C-alpha atoms as a PDB file:
ATOM      1  CA  MET A   1       0.056   0.212  -0.313  1.00  0.00           C
ATOM      2  CA  THR A   2       1.447   3.562  -0.984  1.00  0.00           C
ATOM      3  CA  THR A   3       1.830   6.600   1.767  1.00  0.00           C
ATOM      4  CA  VAL A   4       0.498   9.497   1.004  1.00  0.00           C
ATOM      5  CA  THR A   5       1.671  12.688   3.087  1.00  0.00           C
ATOM      6  CA  ILE A   6       0.241  15.924   3.174  1.00  0.00           C
ATOM      7  CA  GLU A   7       0.562  19.092   5.752  1.00  0.00           C
ATOM      8  CA  VAL A   8      -2.490  19.972   7.469  1.00  0.00           C
ATOM      9  CA  PRO A   9      -1.735  23.120   9.519  1.00  0.00           C
ATOM     10  CA  ASP A  10      -1.874  22.368  13.342  1.00  0.00           C
ATOM     11  CA  ASP A  11      -4.588  23.040  14.835  1.00  0.00           C
ATOM     12  CA  ALA A  12      -7.094  21.358  12.207  1.00  0.00           C
ATOM     13  CA  PHE A  13      -7.120  18.504  14.724  1.00  0.00           C
ATOM     14  CA  SER A  14      -8.061  20.082  17.451  1.00  0.00           C
ATOM     15  CA  ALA A  15     -11.554  22.756  15.402  1.00  0.00           C
ATOM     16  CA  LEU A  16     -12.670  19.626  14.452  1.00  0.00           C
ATOM     17  CA  ARG A  17     -11.861  17.336  17.894  1.00  0.00           C
ATOM     18  CA  ARG A  18     -10.108  14.718  15.511  1.00  0.00           C
ATOM     19  CA  SER A  19      -7.620  12.856  16.184  1.00  0.00           C
ATOM     20  CA  PRO A  20      -4.758  12.534  13.456  1.00  0.00           C
ATOM     21  CA  LYS A  21      -5.618   8.827  12.869  1.00  0.00           C
ATOM     22  CA  GLU A  22      -9.193  10.045  12.748  1.00  0.00           C
ATOM     23  CA  PHE A  23      -8.817  12.845  10.207  1.00  0.00           C
ATOM     24  CA  ALA A  24      -6.880  10.811   7.528  1.00  0.00           C
ATOM     25  CA  ARG A  25      -9.981   8.698   7.727  1.00  0.00           C
ATOM     26  CA  ASP A  26     -12.739  11.437   7.295  1.00  0.00           C
ATOM     27  CA  MET A  27     -10.265  12.947   4.553  1.00  0.00           C
ATOM     28  CA  ARG A  28     -10.234   9.106   2.658  1.00  0.00           C
ATOM     29  CA  LEU A  29     -13.754   8.745   2.785  1.00  0.00           C
ATOM     30  CA  ALA A  30     -14.429  12.474   1.506  1.00  0.00           C
ATOM     31  CA  ALA A  31     -12.659  12.318  -1.143  1.00  0.00           C
ATOM     32  CA  VAL A  32     -13.860   8.270  -2.005  1.00  0.00           C
ATOM     33  CA  ILE A  33     -17.261   9.964  -1.703  1.00  0.00           C
ATOM     34  CA  GLN A  34     -16.978  13.063  -4.086  1.00  0.00           C
ATOM     35  CA  TRP A  35     -15.078  10.373  -6.721  1.00  0.00           C
ATOM     36  CA  TYR A  36     -18.236   8.387  -6.914  1.00  0.00           C
ATOM     37  CA  HIS A  37     -20.364  11.494  -6.598  1.00  0.00           C
ATOM     38  CA  GLN A  38     -18.433  12.454  -9.599  1.00  0.00           C
ATOM     39  CA  GLY A  39     -19.046   9.064 -11.213  1.00  0.00           C
ATOM     40  CA  LEU A  40     -14.389   8.503 -11.009  1.00  0.00           C
ATOM     41  CA  ILE A  41     -14.905   5.655  -9.051  1.00  0.00           C
ATOM     42  CA  SER A  42     -16.949   2.733  -8.376  1.00  0.00           C
ATOM     43  CA  GLN A  43     -18.732   1.727  -5.239  1.00  0.00           C
ATOM     44  CA  GLY A  44     -17.071  -0.982  -4.731  1.00  0.00           C
ATOM     45  CA  LYS A  45     -13.339   0.996  -5.459  1.00  0.00           C
ATOM     46  CA  ALA A  46     -14.968   3.677  -3.176  1.00  0.00           C
ATOM     47  CA  ALA A  47     -15.070   1.539  -0.435  1.00  0.00           C
ATOM     48  CA  GLU A  48     -12.099  -0.385  -0.935  1.00  0.00           C
ATOM     49  CA  ILE A  49      -9.879   3.100  -0.878  1.00  0.00           C
ATOM     50  CA  ALA A  50     -11.866   4.123   2.299  1.00  0.00           C
ATOM     51  CA  GLY A  51     -11.163   0.756   3.755  1.00  0.00           C
ATOM     52  CA  LEU A  52     -14.958   0.375   4.117  1.00  0.00           C
ATOM     53  CA  LYS A  53     -17.079  -2.641   3.205  1.00  0.00           C
ATOM     54  CA  ARG A  54     -19.789  -1.929   0.813  1.00  0.00           C
ATOM     55  CA  ARG A  55     -22.780  -1.621   3.041  1.00  0.00           C
ATOM     56  CA  GLU A  56     -20.968   1.157   5.666  1.00  0.00           C
ATOM     57  CA  PHE A  57     -19.684   3.156   2.339  1.00  0.00           C
ATOM     58  CA  LEU A  58     -23.453   3.066   1.345  1.00  0.00           C
ATOM     59  CA  GLU A  59     -24.456   3.845   4.815  1.00  0.00           C
ATOM     60  CA  ALA A  60     -21.745   6.670   4.526  1.00  0.00           C
ATOM     61  CA  LEU A  61     -23.401   8.026   1.335  1.00  0.00           C
ATOM     62  CA  TYR A  62     -26.585   8.066   2.950  1.00  0.00           C
ATOM     63  CA  GLN A  63     -24.900   9.993   6.096  1.00  0.00           C
ATOM     64  CA  ALA A  64     -23.921  12.726   3.343  1.00  0.00           C
ATOM     65  CA  LYS A  65     -27.097  13.008   0.992  1.00  0.00           C
ATOM     66  CA  ILE A  66     -25.587  11.494  -1.549  1.00  0.00           C
ATOM     67  CA  GLU A  67     -27.384   8.895  -4.171  1.00  0.00           C
ATOM     68  CA  ALA A  68     -26.028   5.400  -3.811  1.00  0.00           C
ATOM     69  CA  SER A  69     -27.217   4.623  -7.545  1.00  0.00           C
ATOM     70  CA  GLN A  70     -25.031   6.816 -10.448  1.00  0.00           C
ATOM     71  CA  VAL A  71     -28.076   5.926 -13.093  1.00  0.00           C
ATOM     72  CA  ASP A  72     -30.609   8.723 -13.858  1.00  0.00           C
ATOM     73  CA  VAL A  73     -33.744   8.350 -14.419  1.00  0.00           C
ATOM     74  CA  GLU A  74     -33.681   8.684 -18.759  1.00  0.00           C
ATOM     75  CA  GLU A  75     -30.973   5.696 -18.548  1.00  0.00           C
ATOM     76  CA  MET A  76     -33.269   3.407 -16.420  1.00  0.00           C
ATOM     77  CA  LYS A  77     -35.592   3.705 -18.382  1.00  0.00           C
ATOM     78  CA  GLU A  78     -33.804   2.878 -21.882  1.00  0.00           C
ATOM     79  CA  GLU A  79     -32.270   0.194 -19.330  1.00  0.00           C
ATOM     80  CA  VAL A  80     -35.713  -1.203 -19.238  1.00  0.00           C
ATOM     81  CA  GLU A  81     -37.239  -0.892 -22.918  1.00  0.00           C
ATOM     82  CA  ARG A  82     -33.941  -2.912 -24.221  1.00  0.00           C
ATOM     83  CA  ASP A  83     -34.455  -5.335 -21.391  1.00  0.00           C
ATOM     84  CA  LEU A  84     -38.543  -5.366 -22.167  1.00  0.00           C
ATOM     85  CA  GLN A  85     -37.551  -5.548 -26.730  1.00  0.00           C
ATOM     86  CA  ALA A  86     -34.697  -8.036 -26.191  1.00  0.00           C
ATOM     87  CA  ARG A  87     -37.125 -10.489 -23.825  1.00  0.00           C
ATOM     88  CA  CYS A  88     -40.316 -10.062 -26.745  1.00  0.00           C
ATOM     89  CA  GLU A  89     -37.880 -10.856 -29.338  1.00  0.00           C
ATOM     90  CA  CYS A  90     -36.962 -14.037 -27.386  1.00  0.00           C
ATOM     91  CA  LEU A  91     -40.065 -14.842 -27.073  1.00  0.00           C
ATOM     92  CA  THR A  92     -41.397 -14.894 -30.697  1.00  0.00           C
ATOM     93  CA  VAL A  93     -38.211 -16.587 -32.007  1.00  0.00           C
ATOM     94  CA  ASP A  94     -40.265 -19.614 -29.814  1.00  0.00           C
ATOM     95  CA  LEU A  95     -43.644 -18.701 -30.857  1.00  0.00           C
ATOM     96  CA  PRO A  96     -44.785 -21.798 -33.018  1.00  0.00           C
ATOM     97  CA  ASP A  97     -45.531 -20.661 -36.780  1.00  0.00           C
ATOM     98  CA  GLN A  98     -49.686 -19.926 -36.112  1.00  0.00           C
ATOM     99  CA  GLY A  99     -50.065 -19.807 -40.382  1.00  0.00           C
ATOM    100  CA  ARG A 100     -48.857 -23.170 -41.095  1.00  0.00           C
ATOM    101  CA  SER A 101     -50.638 -25.728 -41.293  1.00  0.00           C
ATOM    102  CA  SER A 102     -49.685 -29.178 -39.301  1.00  0.00           C
END
């Protein structure tokens, strides 16, 4: 694992009432929430970077009031329509030819 070092004013920890370890954890979580919100990383990758289980990351998104789904309503409608069309095509292929006599 790579270590990243950043400089933080000495009074930052007391202002936020956080230990350096808590501050680093919170900063890492804030970063992955932002990257996830921007669509740069997946939920799984965000959880991994933050050192959380996926369920814990979803709870963090809820606490931050960030939508867990990165798919908007229009994309979801298009996906459902494509799925329905594919299912209809499968059903059509499986139906016996009604016009032929036996």
